[in-house]
Amino acid sequence: MEVDRVLRPVGYWVLSGPPINWKNNYKAWQHPKEDLEEEQRKIEEAAKRLCWEKKSEKGEIAVWQNRVNNDSCRDRQVSFCKAGDVDDVWYKKMGECITPYPDVSGSDEVAGGEIKPFPERLYAIPPRIASGSIPGVTVESYQEDNDKWKKHVNAYKKINRLTDLGRYRNIMDMNAGFGGFAAAIQNPKLWVMNVMPTIAEKNTLGVIYERGRIGIYHDWCEGFSTYPRTYDLIHAHGVFSLYKDKCNMEDILLEMDRILRPEDAVIFHDEVDTIIN
């Protein structure tokens, strides 16, 4: 159910390893073939209930494709989750139901809007914004945000050579918004973890994924789930203004220090009074 929730319409689920190809590998895996056969049967049955179409099985790899919209599978045997904010999943228990897709006007229409191929999708208007599904966000404000981050990144480069090959590989944006910072420094030699604070005014994590970027929810009053010394560069835009009076700023700084590699960099971009304090 959770894989179905996070998988896009017409997206693919790839299963590699046990129990796929159990007939040839059950001895090597040291499992009874009856158990492996039953495990694969249950997987096939669950995929069918979710209306996933099996596209391929070769060797130890099997591939399923998700349905295009709710109307494309009238015979589904799984109930929809109750109405509510489908994006509000922070500290919520998983249920035995599937998250409904947005409505479509035709049987062949991709639920939620069709995504452009990468890298075109990086600056294409994301479906969530084009449809007006994020309150207070327009196509114009999104484009203005992109222009703003191109300008800011150019300014950053005058102080810190952000895109020098090999200098920074693992980068974090602590308050990513629409993912404009990550888009502006796009380079195949680096990647950006876009963090969407759980207390942000607008939930834009879906936009970040529609742009072809990766992201995660997080509350910066808590520790970030990663190893020490994970990131080469941390971008802290508006983080301390956002969390002012929410938790201890020193604790956030200590967590930043924990996940930052020795001798690497932090960019603080915030209100003047907040930085001074």
C-alpha atoms as a PDB file:
ATOM      1  CA  MET A   1       0.000   0.000   0.000  1.00  0.00           C
ATOM      2  CA  GLU A   2       2.807   2.400   0.833  1.00  0.00           C
ATOM      3  CA  VAL A   3       4.663   1.655  -2.407  1.00  0.00           C
ATOM      4  CA  ASP A   4       1.444   2.354  -4.305  1.00  0.00           C
ATOM      5  CA  ARG A   5       1.031   5.667  -2.429  1.00  0.00           C
ATOM      6  CA  VAL A   6       4.471   6.984  -3.396  1.00  0.00           C
ATOM      7  CA  LEU A   7       4.528   5.530  -6.920  1.00  0.00           C
ATOM      8  CA  ARG A   8       3.446   7.846  -9.715  1.00  0.00           C
ATOM      9  CA  PRO A   9       0.755   6.846 -12.222  1.00  0.00           C
ATOM     10  CA  VAL A  10       2.364   4.726 -14.979  1.00  0.00           C
ATOM     11  CA  GLY A  11       5.468   4.485 -12.771  1.00  0.00           C
ATOM     12  CA  TYR A  12       7.389   1.233 -12.382  1.00  0.00           C
ATOM     13  CA  TRP A  13       8.086  -1.049  -9.426  1.00  0.00           C
ATOM     14  CA  VAL A  14      11.121  -3.298  -9.847  1.00  0.00           C
ATOM     15  CA  LEU A  15      11.608  -6.335  -7.600  1.00  0.00           C
ATOM     16  CA  SER A  16      15.044  -7.926  -7.679  1.00  0.00           C
ATOM     17  CA  GLY A  17      16.041 -11.103  -5.854  1.00  0.00           C
ATOM     18  CA  PRO A  18      13.976 -13.520  -3.758  1.00  0.00           C
ATOM     19  CA  PRO A  19      11.410 -14.817  -4.447  1.00  0.00           C
ATOM     20  CA  ILE A  20      11.776 -14.003  -8.157  1.00  0.00           C
ATOM     21  CA  ASN A  21      13.143 -16.998 -10.085  1.00  0.00           C
ATOM     22  CA  TRP A  22      12.750 -19.211  -7.034  1.00  0.00           C
ATOM     23  CA  LYS A  23      12.593 -22.364  -9.182  1.00  0.00           C
ATOM     24  CA  ASN A  24      16.272 -22.022 -10.097  1.00  0.00           C
ATOM     25  CA  ASN A  25      17.573 -20.472  -6.884  1.00  0.00           C
ATOM     26  CA  TYR A  26      15.765 -22.000  -3.924  1.00  0.00           C
ATOM     27  CA  LYS A  27      18.734 -24.247  -3.090  1.00  0.00           C
ATOM     28  CA  ALA A  28      21.243 -21.381  -3.212  1.00  0.00           C
ATOM     29  CA  TRP A  29      18.925 -19.226  -1.107  1.00  0.00           C
ATOM     30  CA  GLN A  30      18.518 -22.094   1.362  1.00  0.00           C
ATOM     31  CA  HIS A  31      14.759 -21.679   1.570  1.00  0.00           C
ATOM     32  CA  PRO A  32      12.055 -24.290   0.956  1.00  0.00           C
ATOM     33  CA  LYS A  33      10.748 -23.866  -2.566  1.00  0.00           C
ATOM     34  CA  GLU A  34       7.168 -24.083  -1.251  1.00  0.00           C
ATOM     35  CA  ASP A  35       7.730 -20.999   0.914  1.00  0.00           C
ATOM     36  CA  LEU A  36       9.272 -19.015  -1.939  1.00  0.00           C
ATOM     37  CA  GLU A  37       6.508 -20.028  -4.316  1.00  0.00           C
ATOM     38  CA  GLU A  38       3.889 -18.896  -1.799  1.00  0.00           C
ATOM     39  CA  GLU A  39       5.730 -15.604  -1.228  1.00  0.00           C
ATOM     40  CA  GLN A  40       5.745 -14.818  -4.943  1.00  0.00           C
ATOM     41  CA  ARG A  41       2.099 -15.823  -5.248  1.00  0.00           C
ATOM     42  CA  LYS A  42       1.176 -13.303  -2.546  1.00  0.00           C
ATOM     43  CA  ILE A  43       3.191 -10.571  -4.282  1.00  0.00           C
ATOM     44  CA  GLU A  44       1.530 -11.306  -7.635  1.00  0.00           C
ATOM     45  CA  GLU A  45      -1.880 -11.304  -5.972  1.00  0.00           C
ATOM     46  CA  ALA A  46      -1.263  -7.992  -4.178  1.00  0.00           C
ATOM     47  CA  ALA A  47      -0.026  -6.354  -7.399  1.00  0.00           C
ATOM     48  CA  LYS A  48      -3.155  -7.515  -9.192  1.00  0.00           C
ATOM     49  CA  ARG A  49      -5.400  -6.062  -6.471  1.00  0.00           C
ATOM     50  CA  LEU A  50      -3.537  -2.738  -6.835  1.00  0.00           C
ATOM     51  CA  CYS A  51      -4.075  -2.858 -10.617  1.00  0.00           C
ATOM     52  CA  TRP A  52      -0.366  -3.017 -11.395  1.00  0.00           C
ATOM     53  CA  GLU A  53       0.423  -4.615 -14.737  1.00  0.00           C
ATOM     54  CA  LYS A  54       3.311  -7.066 -14.826  1.00  0.00           C
ATOM     55  CA  LYS A  55       5.540  -5.991 -17.699  1.00  0.00           C
ATOM     56  CA  SER A  56       8.489  -8.336 -17.435  1.00  0.00           C
ATOM     57  CA  GLU A  57      10.137 -11.145 -15.509  1.00  0.00           C
ATOM     58  CA  LYS A  58      13.629 -12.147 -16.531  1.00  0.00           C
ATOM     59  CA  GLY A  59      16.155 -13.916 -14.351  1.00  0.00           C
ATOM     60  CA  GLU A  60      15.789 -12.554 -10.835  1.00  0.00           C
ATOM     61  CA  ILE A  61      14.122  -9.276 -11.866  1.00  0.00           C
ATOM     62  CA  ALA A  62      10.397  -8.615 -12.209  1.00  0.00           C
ATOM     63  CA  VAL A  63       8.813  -5.314 -13.284  1.00  0.00           C
ATOM     64  CA  TRP A  64       5.293  -4.009 -12.699  1.00  0.00           C
ATOM     65  CA  GLN A  65       3.748  -0.775 -14.013  1.00  0.00           C
ATOM     66  CA  ASN A  66       1.263   1.301 -12.052  1.00  0.00           C
ATOM     67  CA  ARG A  67      -2.180   2.216 -13.401  1.00  0.00           C
ATOM     68  CA  VAL A  68      -2.690   5.485 -15.287  1.00  0.00           C
ATOM     69  CA  ASN A  69      -5.655   6.736 -13.194  1.00  0.00           C
ATOM     70  CA  ASN A  70      -8.471   5.524 -10.950  1.00  0.00           C
ATOM     71  CA  ASP A  71     -10.787   4.819 -13.882  1.00  0.00           C
ATOM     72  CA  SER A  72      -8.282   2.460 -15.531  1.00  0.00           C
ATOM     73  CA  CYS A  73      -9.035  -0.275 -13.009  1.00  0.00           C
ATOM     74  CA  ARG A  74     -12.702  -0.692 -12.246  1.00  0.00           C
ATOM     75  CA  ASP A  75     -12.233  -4.205 -10.838  1.00  0.00           C
ATOM     76  CA  ARG A  76      -9.825  -3.269  -8.065  1.00  0.00           C
ATOM     77  CA  GLN A  77     -10.357  -5.158  -4.820  1.00  0.00           C
ATOM     78  CA  VAL A  78      -8.801  -2.620  -2.459  1.00  0.00           C
ATOM     79  CA  SER A  79     -10.715   0.274  -0.891  1.00  0.00           C
ATOM     80  CA  PHE A  80      -9.721   3.918  -1.143  1.00  0.00           C
ATOM     81  CA  CYS A  81      -8.481   5.783   1.922  1.00  0.00           C
ATOM     82  CA  LYS A  82     -10.878   8.263   3.492  1.00  0.00           C
ATOM     83  CA  ALA A  83     -10.960  11.764   2.059  1.00  0.00           C
ATOM     84  CA  GLY A  84      -8.397  14.198   3.430  1.00  0.00           C
ATOM     85  CA  ASP A  85      -5.057  15.794   2.646  1.00  0.00           C
ATOM     86  CA  VAL A  86      -3.213  12.952   0.925  1.00  0.00           C
ATOM     87  CA  ASP A  87       0.084  14.816   1.342  1.00  0.00           C
ATOM     88  CA  ASP A  88      -0.287  15.083   5.111  1.00  0.00           C
ATOM     89  CA  VAL A  89       1.612  11.945   6.143  1.00  0.00           C
ATOM     90  CA  TRP A  90       4.034  13.206   8.791  1.00  0.00           C
ATOM     91  CA  TYR A  91       3.795  10.809  11.761  1.00  0.00           C
ATOM     92  CA  LYS A  92       0.660   9.180  10.354  1.00  0.00           C
ATOM     93  CA  LYS A  93      -0.010   5.450  10.582  1.00  0.00           C
ATOM     94  CA  MET A  94      -0.288   3.479   7.357  1.00  0.00           C
ATOM     95  CA  GLY A  95      -3.709   2.054   6.563  1.00  0.00           C
ATOM     96  CA  GLU A  96      -4.949  -0.879   4.503  1.00  0.00           C
ATOM     97  CA  CYS A  97      -6.237   1.322   1.702  1.00  0.00           C
ATOM     98  CA  ILE A  98      -4.932   3.001  -1.424  1.00  0.00           C
ATOM     99  CA  THR A  99      -4.536   6.753  -1.777  1.00  0.00           C
ATOM    100  CA  PRO A 100      -6.937   8.047  -4.459  1.00  0.00           C
ATOM    101  CA  TYR A 101      -5.554   9.809  -7.510  1.00  0.00           C
ATOM    102  CA  PRO A 102      -6.722  13.243  -8.643  1.00  0.00           C
ATOM    103  CA  ASP A 103      -9.771  13.177 -10.937  1.00  0.00           C
ATOM    104  CA  VAL A 104      -9.259  13.000 -14.695  1.00  0.00           C
ATOM    105  CA  SER A 105     -11.432  14.058 -17.624  1.00  0.00           C
ATOM    106  CA  GLY A 106     -10.609  11.066 -19.845  1.00  0.00           C
ATOM    107  CA  SER A 107      -9.747   7.389 -19.468  1.00  0.00           C
ATOM    108  CA  ASP A 108      -6.280   7.877 -20.986  1.00  0.00           C
ATOM    109  CA  GLU A 109      -5.373  10.988 -18.995  1.00  0.00           C
ATOM    110  CA  VAL A 110      -2.532  10.539 -16.505  1.00  0.00           C
ATOM    111  CA  ALA A 111      -3.781  11.281 -12.998  1.00  0.00           C
ATOM    112  CA  GLY A 112      -2.070  14.312 -11.491  1.00  0.00           C
ATOM    113  CA  GLY A 113      -0.753  15.497 -14.855  1.00  0.00           C
ATOM    114  CA  GLU A 114       1.885  14.223 -17.235  1.00  0.00           C
ATOM    115  CA  ILE A 115       5.522  14.766 -16.285  1.00  0.00           C
ATOM    116  CA  LYS A 116       8.036  16.055 -18.825  1.00  0.00           C
ATOM    117  CA  PRO A 117      11.190  13.996 -19.444  1.00  0.00           C
ATOM    118  CA  PHE A 118      14.329  15.049 -17.601  1.00  0.00           C
ATOM    119  CA  PRO A 119      16.035  17.538 -17.790  1.00  0.00           C
ATOM    120  CA  GLU A 120      13.133  19.432 -19.428  1.00  0.00           C
ATOM    121  CA  ARG A 121      11.003  18.898 -16.319  1.00  0.00           C
ATOM    122  CA  LEU A 122      13.511  20.847 -14.218  1.00  0.00           C
ATOM    123  CA  TYR A 123      12.040  24.162 -15.411  1.00  0.00           C
ATOM    124  CA  ALA A 124       8.719  23.033 -16.896  1.00  0.00           C
ATOM    125  CA  ILE A 125       5.637  24.119 -14.935  1.00  0.00           C
ATOM    126  CA  PRO A 126       4.947  21.270 -12.464  1.00  0.00           C
ATOM    127  CA  PRO A 127       1.425  19.806 -12.703  1.00  0.00           C
ATOM    128  CA  ARG A 128       0.645  20.692  -9.076  1.00  0.00           C
ATOM    129  CA  ILE A 129       1.290  24.358  -9.847  1.00  0.00           C
ATOM    130  CA  ALA A 130      -0.357  24.350 -13.275  1.00  0.00           C
ATOM    131  CA  SER A 131      -3.517  22.907 -11.713  1.00  0.00           C
ATOM    132  CA  GLY A 132      -3.535  25.422  -8.854  1.00  0.00           C
ATOM    133  CA  SER A 133      -3.559  22.669  -6.231  1.00  0.00           C
ATOM    134  CA  ILE A 134      -1.168  24.547  -3.906  1.00  0.00           C
ATOM    135  CA  PRO A 135      -3.030  27.486  -2.308  1.00  0.00           C
ATOM    136  CA  GLY A 136      -1.369  30.839  -2.912  1.00  0.00           C
ATOM    137  CA  VAL A 137       1.018  29.554  -5.587  1.00  0.00           C
ATOM    138  CA  THR A 138       0.666  30.617  -9.210  1.00  0.00           C
ATOM    139  CA  VAL A 139       2.627  29.918 -12.360  1.00  0.00           C
ATOM    140  CA  GLU A 140       3.951  33.485 -12.175  1.00  0.00           C
ATOM    141  CA  SER A 141       5.141  33.171  -8.563  1.00  0.00           C
ATOM    142  CA  TYR A 142       6.829  29.865  -9.402  1.00  0.00           C
ATOM    143  CA  GLN A 143       8.697  31.407 -12.342  1.00  0.00           C
ATOM    144  CA  GLU A 144       9.687  34.388 -10.188  1.00  0.00           C
ATOM    145  CA  ASP A 145      11.092  31.966  -7.607  1.00  0.00           C
ATOM    146  CA  ASN A 146      13.197  30.264 -10.294  1.00  0.00           C
ATOM    147  CA  ASP A 147      14.558  33.613 -11.458  1.00  0.00           C
ATOM    148  CA  LYS A 148      15.339  34.569  -7.852  1.00  0.00           C
ATOM    149  CA  TRP A 149      17.367  31.408  -7.251  1.00  0.00           C
ATOM    150  CA  LYS A 150      19.318  31.771 -10.463  1.00  0.00           C
ATOM    151  CA  LYS A 151      20.292  35.227  -9.248  1.00  0.00           C
ATOM    152  CA  HIS A 152      21.168  34.033  -5.732  1.00  0.00           C
ATOM    153  CA  VAL A 153      23.257  31.114  -7.001  1.00  0.00           C
ATOM    154  CA  ASN A 154      25.206  33.430  -9.298  1.00  0.00           C
ATOM    155  CA  ALA A 155      25.929  35.601  -6.253  1.00  0.00           C
ATOM    156  CA  TYR A 156      26.974  32.529  -4.234  1.00  0.00           C
ATOM    157  CA  LYS A 157      29.404  31.530  -6.967  1.00  0.00           C
ATOM    158  CA  LYS A 158      31.272  34.819  -6.605  1.00  0.00           C
ATOM    159  CA  ILE A 159      32.057  33.868  -2.999  1.00  0.00           C
ATOM    160  CA  ASN A 160      32.126  30.089  -3.184  1.00  0.00           C
ATOM    161  CA  ARG A 161      32.787  28.134  -6.383  1.00  0.00           C
ATOM    162  CA  LEU A 162      29.725  25.914  -5.968  1.00  0.00           C
ATOM    163  CA  THR A 163      29.975  23.952  -9.177  1.00  0.00           C
ATOM    164  CA  ASP A 164      33.718  23.374  -9.371  1.00  0.00           C
ATOM    165  CA  LEU A 165      33.990  19.752 -10.442  1.00  0.00           C
ATOM    166  CA  GLY A 166      34.619  17.463  -7.508  1.00  0.00           C
ATOM    167  CA  ARG A 167      34.550  20.143  -4.829  1.00  0.00           C
ATOM    168  CA  TYR A 168      31.004  19.436  -3.584  1.00  0.00           C
ATOM    169  CA  ARG A 169      29.144  16.217  -4.237  1.00  0.00           C
ATOM    170  CA  ASN A 170      26.581  15.766  -1.439  1.00  0.00           C
ATOM    171  CA  ILE A 171      24.595  18.984  -0.874  1.00  0.00           C
ATOM    172  CA  MET A 172      21.646  19.724   1.389  1.00  0.00           C
ATOM    173  CA  ASP A 173      19.069  22.505   1.125  1.00  0.00           C
ATOM    174  CA  MET A 174      17.525  22.758   4.607  1.00  0.00           C
ATOM    175  CA  ASN A 175      14.459  24.756   3.504  1.00  0.00           C
ATOM    176  CA  ALA A 176      14.016  23.896  -0.144  1.00  0.00           C
ATOM    177  CA  GLY A 177      10.734  25.568  -1.105  1.00  0.00           C
ATOM    178  CA  PHE A 178      10.130  24.744  -4.776  1.00  0.00           C
ATOM    179  CA  GLY A 179      13.621  23.300  -5.194  1.00  0.00           C
ATOM    180  CA  GLY A 180      14.881  26.398  -7.015  1.00  0.00           C
ATOM    181  CA  PHE A 181      18.333  26.289  -5.405  1.00  0.00           C
ATOM    182  CA  ALA A 182      18.856  22.674  -6.502  1.00  0.00           C
ATOM    183  CA  ALA A 183      17.651  23.458 -10.023  1.00  0.00           C
ATOM    184  CA  ALA A 184      19.946  26.480 -10.308  1.00  0.00           C
ATOM    185  CA  ILE A 185      23.081  24.478  -9.433  1.00  0.00           C
ATOM    186  CA  GLN A 186      22.056  21.420 -11.468  1.00  0.00           C
ATOM    187  CA  ASN A 187      25.139  19.469 -12.474  1.00  0.00           C
ATOM    188  CA  PRO A 188      25.623  15.721 -13.075  1.00  0.00           C
ATOM    189  CA  LYS A 189      28.621  15.840 -10.747  1.00  0.00           C
ATOM    190  CA  LEU A 190      26.541  16.742  -7.659  1.00  0.00           C
ATOM    191  CA  TRP A 191      23.172  16.052  -6.046  1.00  0.00           C
ATOM    192  CA  VAL A 192      20.975  17.950  -3.588  1.00  0.00           C
ATOM    193  CA  MET A 193      18.853  16.617  -0.732  1.00  0.00           C
ATOM    194  CA  ASN A 194      15.888  19.000  -0.648  1.00  0.00           C
ATOM    195  CA  VAL A 195      14.388  19.210   2.844  1.00  0.00           C
ATOM    196  CA  MET A 196      10.808  20.373   3.318  1.00  0.00           C
ATOM    197  CA  PRO A 197      10.370  21.580   6.926  1.00  0.00           C
ATOM    198  CA  THR A 198       7.190  20.158   8.415  1.00  0.00           C
ATOM    199  CA  ILE A 199       6.240  23.602   9.751  1.00  0.00           C
ATOM    200  CA  ALA A 200       6.639  25.405   6.408  1.00  0.00           C
ATOM    201  CA  GLU A 201       3.657  27.521   5.364  1.00  0.00           C
ATOM    202  CA  LYS A 202       3.279  25.714   2.032  1.00  0.00           C
ATOM    203  CA  ASN A 203       3.842  22.020   1.399  1.00  0.00           C
ATOM    204  CA  THR A 204       5.843  21.974  -1.834  1.00  0.00           C
ATOM    205  CA  LEU A 205       7.606  18.605  -1.571  1.00  0.00           C
ATOM    206  CA  GLY A 206       5.449  17.263  -4.391  1.00  0.00           C
ATOM    207  CA  VAL A 207       6.669  20.057  -6.655  1.00  0.00           C
ATOM    208  CA  ILE A 208      10.275  19.110  -5.918  1.00  0.00           C
ATOM    209  CA  TYR A 209       9.628  15.534  -7.046  1.00  0.00           C
ATOM    210  CA  GLU A 210       7.758  16.710 -10.140  1.00  0.00           C
ATOM    211  CA  ARG A 211      10.894  18.656 -11.069  1.00  0.00           C
ATOM    212  CA  GLY A 212      12.894  15.431 -10.998  1.00  0.00           C
ATOM    213  CA  ARG A 213      14.636  16.213  -7.705  1.00  0.00           C
ATOM    214  CA  ILE A 214      14.719  14.225  -4.461  1.00  0.00           C
ATOM    215  CA  GLY A 215      13.418  15.479  -1.130  1.00  0.00           C
ATOM    216  CA  ILE A 216      12.175  14.643   2.338  1.00  0.00           C
ATOM    217  CA  TYR A 217      10.034  16.037   5.163  1.00  0.00           C
ATOM    218  CA  HIS A 218      11.872  16.970   8.355  1.00  0.00           C
ATOM    219  CA  ASP A 219      11.412  18.893  11.579  1.00  0.00           C
ATOM    220  CA  TRP A 220      14.667  20.713  12.354  1.00  0.00           C
ATOM    221  CA  CYS A 221      13.872  20.621  16.055  1.00  0.00           C
ATOM    222  CA  GLU A 222      14.793  16.924  15.719  1.00  0.00           C
ATOM    223  CA  GLY A 223      17.913  15.116  14.541  1.00  0.00           C
ATOM    224  CA  PHE A 224      18.190  14.408  10.815  1.00  0.00           C
ATOM    225  CA  SER A 225      18.213  10.712   9.942  1.00  0.00           C
ATOM    226  CA  THR A 226      21.674  10.346   8.451  1.00  0.00           C
ATOM    227  CA  TYR A 227      25.240   9.497   9.376  1.00  0.00           C
ATOM    228  CA  PRO A 228      27.747  12.034  10.739  1.00  0.00           C
ATOM    229  CA  ARG A 229      29.758  13.855   8.072  1.00  0.00           C
ATOM    230  CA  THR A 230      27.297  13.133   5.238  1.00  0.00           C
ATOM    231  CA  TYR A 231      27.235  16.478   3.417  1.00  0.00           C
ATOM    232  CA  ASP A 232      29.892  18.586   1.701  1.00  0.00           C
ATOM    233  CA  LEU A 233      27.740  21.732   1.607  1.00  0.00           C
ATOM    234  CA  ILE A 234      24.650  22.812   3.564  1.00  0.00           C
ATOM    235  CA  HIS A 235      22.387  25.620   2.338  1.00  0.00           C
ATOM    236  CA  ALA A 236      20.385  27.201   5.179  1.00  0.00           C
ATOM    237  CA  HIS A 237      17.891  29.617   3.631  1.00  0.00           C
ATOM    238  CA  GLY A 238      15.410  31.120   6.080  1.00  0.00           C
ATOM    239  CA  VAL A 239      15.783  28.182   8.464  1.00  0.00           C
ATOM    240  CA  PHE A 240      16.464  30.173  11.615  1.00  0.00           C
ATOM    241  CA  SER A 241      13.678  32.677  10.937  1.00  0.00           C
ATOM    242  CA  LEU A 242      11.304  29.765  10.397  1.00  0.00           C
ATOM    243  CA  TYR A 243      12.267  28.013  13.641  1.00  0.00           C
ATOM    244  CA  LYS A 244      12.596  31.123  15.778  1.00  0.00           C
ATOM    245  CA  ASP A 245      10.754  30.499  19.061  1.00  0.00           C
ATOM    246  CA  LYS A 246      10.171  26.872  18.007  1.00  0.00           C
ATOM    247  CA  CYS A 247      13.351  25.316  19.374  1.00  0.00           C
ATOM    248  CA  ASN A 248      16.916  26.150  20.374  1.00  0.00           C
ATOM    249  CA  MET A 249      18.946  27.580  17.481  1.00  0.00           C
ATOM    250  CA  GLU A 250      22.148  26.189  18.999  1.00  0.00           C
ATOM    251  CA  ASP A 251      20.693  22.677  18.709  1.00  0.00           C
ATOM    252  CA  ILE A 252      20.058  23.168  14.988  1.00  0.00           C
ATOM    253  CA  LEU A 253      23.626  24.426  14.540  1.00  0.00           C
ATOM    254  CA  LEU A 254      24.984  21.403  16.380  1.00  0.00           C
ATOM    255  CA  GLU A 255      22.995  19.081  14.126  1.00  0.00           C
ATOM    256  CA  MET A 256      24.325  20.897  11.073  1.00  0.00           C
ATOM    257  CA  ASP A 257      27.844  20.475  12.419  1.00  0.00           C
ATOM    258  CA  ARG A 258      27.218  16.749  12.949  1.00  0.00           C
ATOM    259  CA  ILE A 259      26.186  16.054   9.356  1.00  0.00           C
ATOM    260  CA  LEU A 260      28.750  18.392   7.732  1.00  0.00           C
ATOM    261  CA  ARG A 261      32.099  17.026   6.628  1.00  0.00           C
ATOM    262  CA  PRO A 262      35.296  18.537   8.095  1.00  0.00           C
ATOM    263  CA  GLU A 263      36.483  21.730   6.380  1.00  0.00           C
ATOM    264  CA  ASP A 264      33.364  21.934   4.199  1.00  0.00           C
ATOM    265  CA  ALA A 265      30.906  24.813   3.903  1.00  0.00           C
ATOM    266  CA  VAL A 266      27.571  26.218   5.091  1.00  0.00           C
ATOM    267  CA  ILE A 267      25.718  29.035   3.321  1.00  0.00           C
ATOM    268  CA  PHE A 268      23.461  31.052   5.637  1.00  0.00           C
ATOM    269  CA  HIS A 269      20.791  33.111   3.860  1.00  0.00           C
ATOM    270  CA  ASP A 270      18.338  34.668   6.300  1.00  0.00           C
ATOM    271  CA  GLU A 271      16.946  37.878   7.736  1.00  0.00           C
ATOM    272  CA  VAL A 272      19.669  40.280   8.883  1.00  0.00           C
ATOM    273  CA  ASP A 273      18.422  40.502  12.481  1.00  0.00           C
ATOM    274  CA  THR A 274      18.242  36.716  12.736  1.00  0.00           C
ATOM    275  CA  ILE A 275      21.804  36.271  11.472  1.00  0.00           C
ATOM    276  CA  ILE A 276      23.129  38.932  13.861  1.00  0.00           C
ATOM    277  CA  ASN A 277      21.400  37.366  16.846  1.00  0.00           C
END
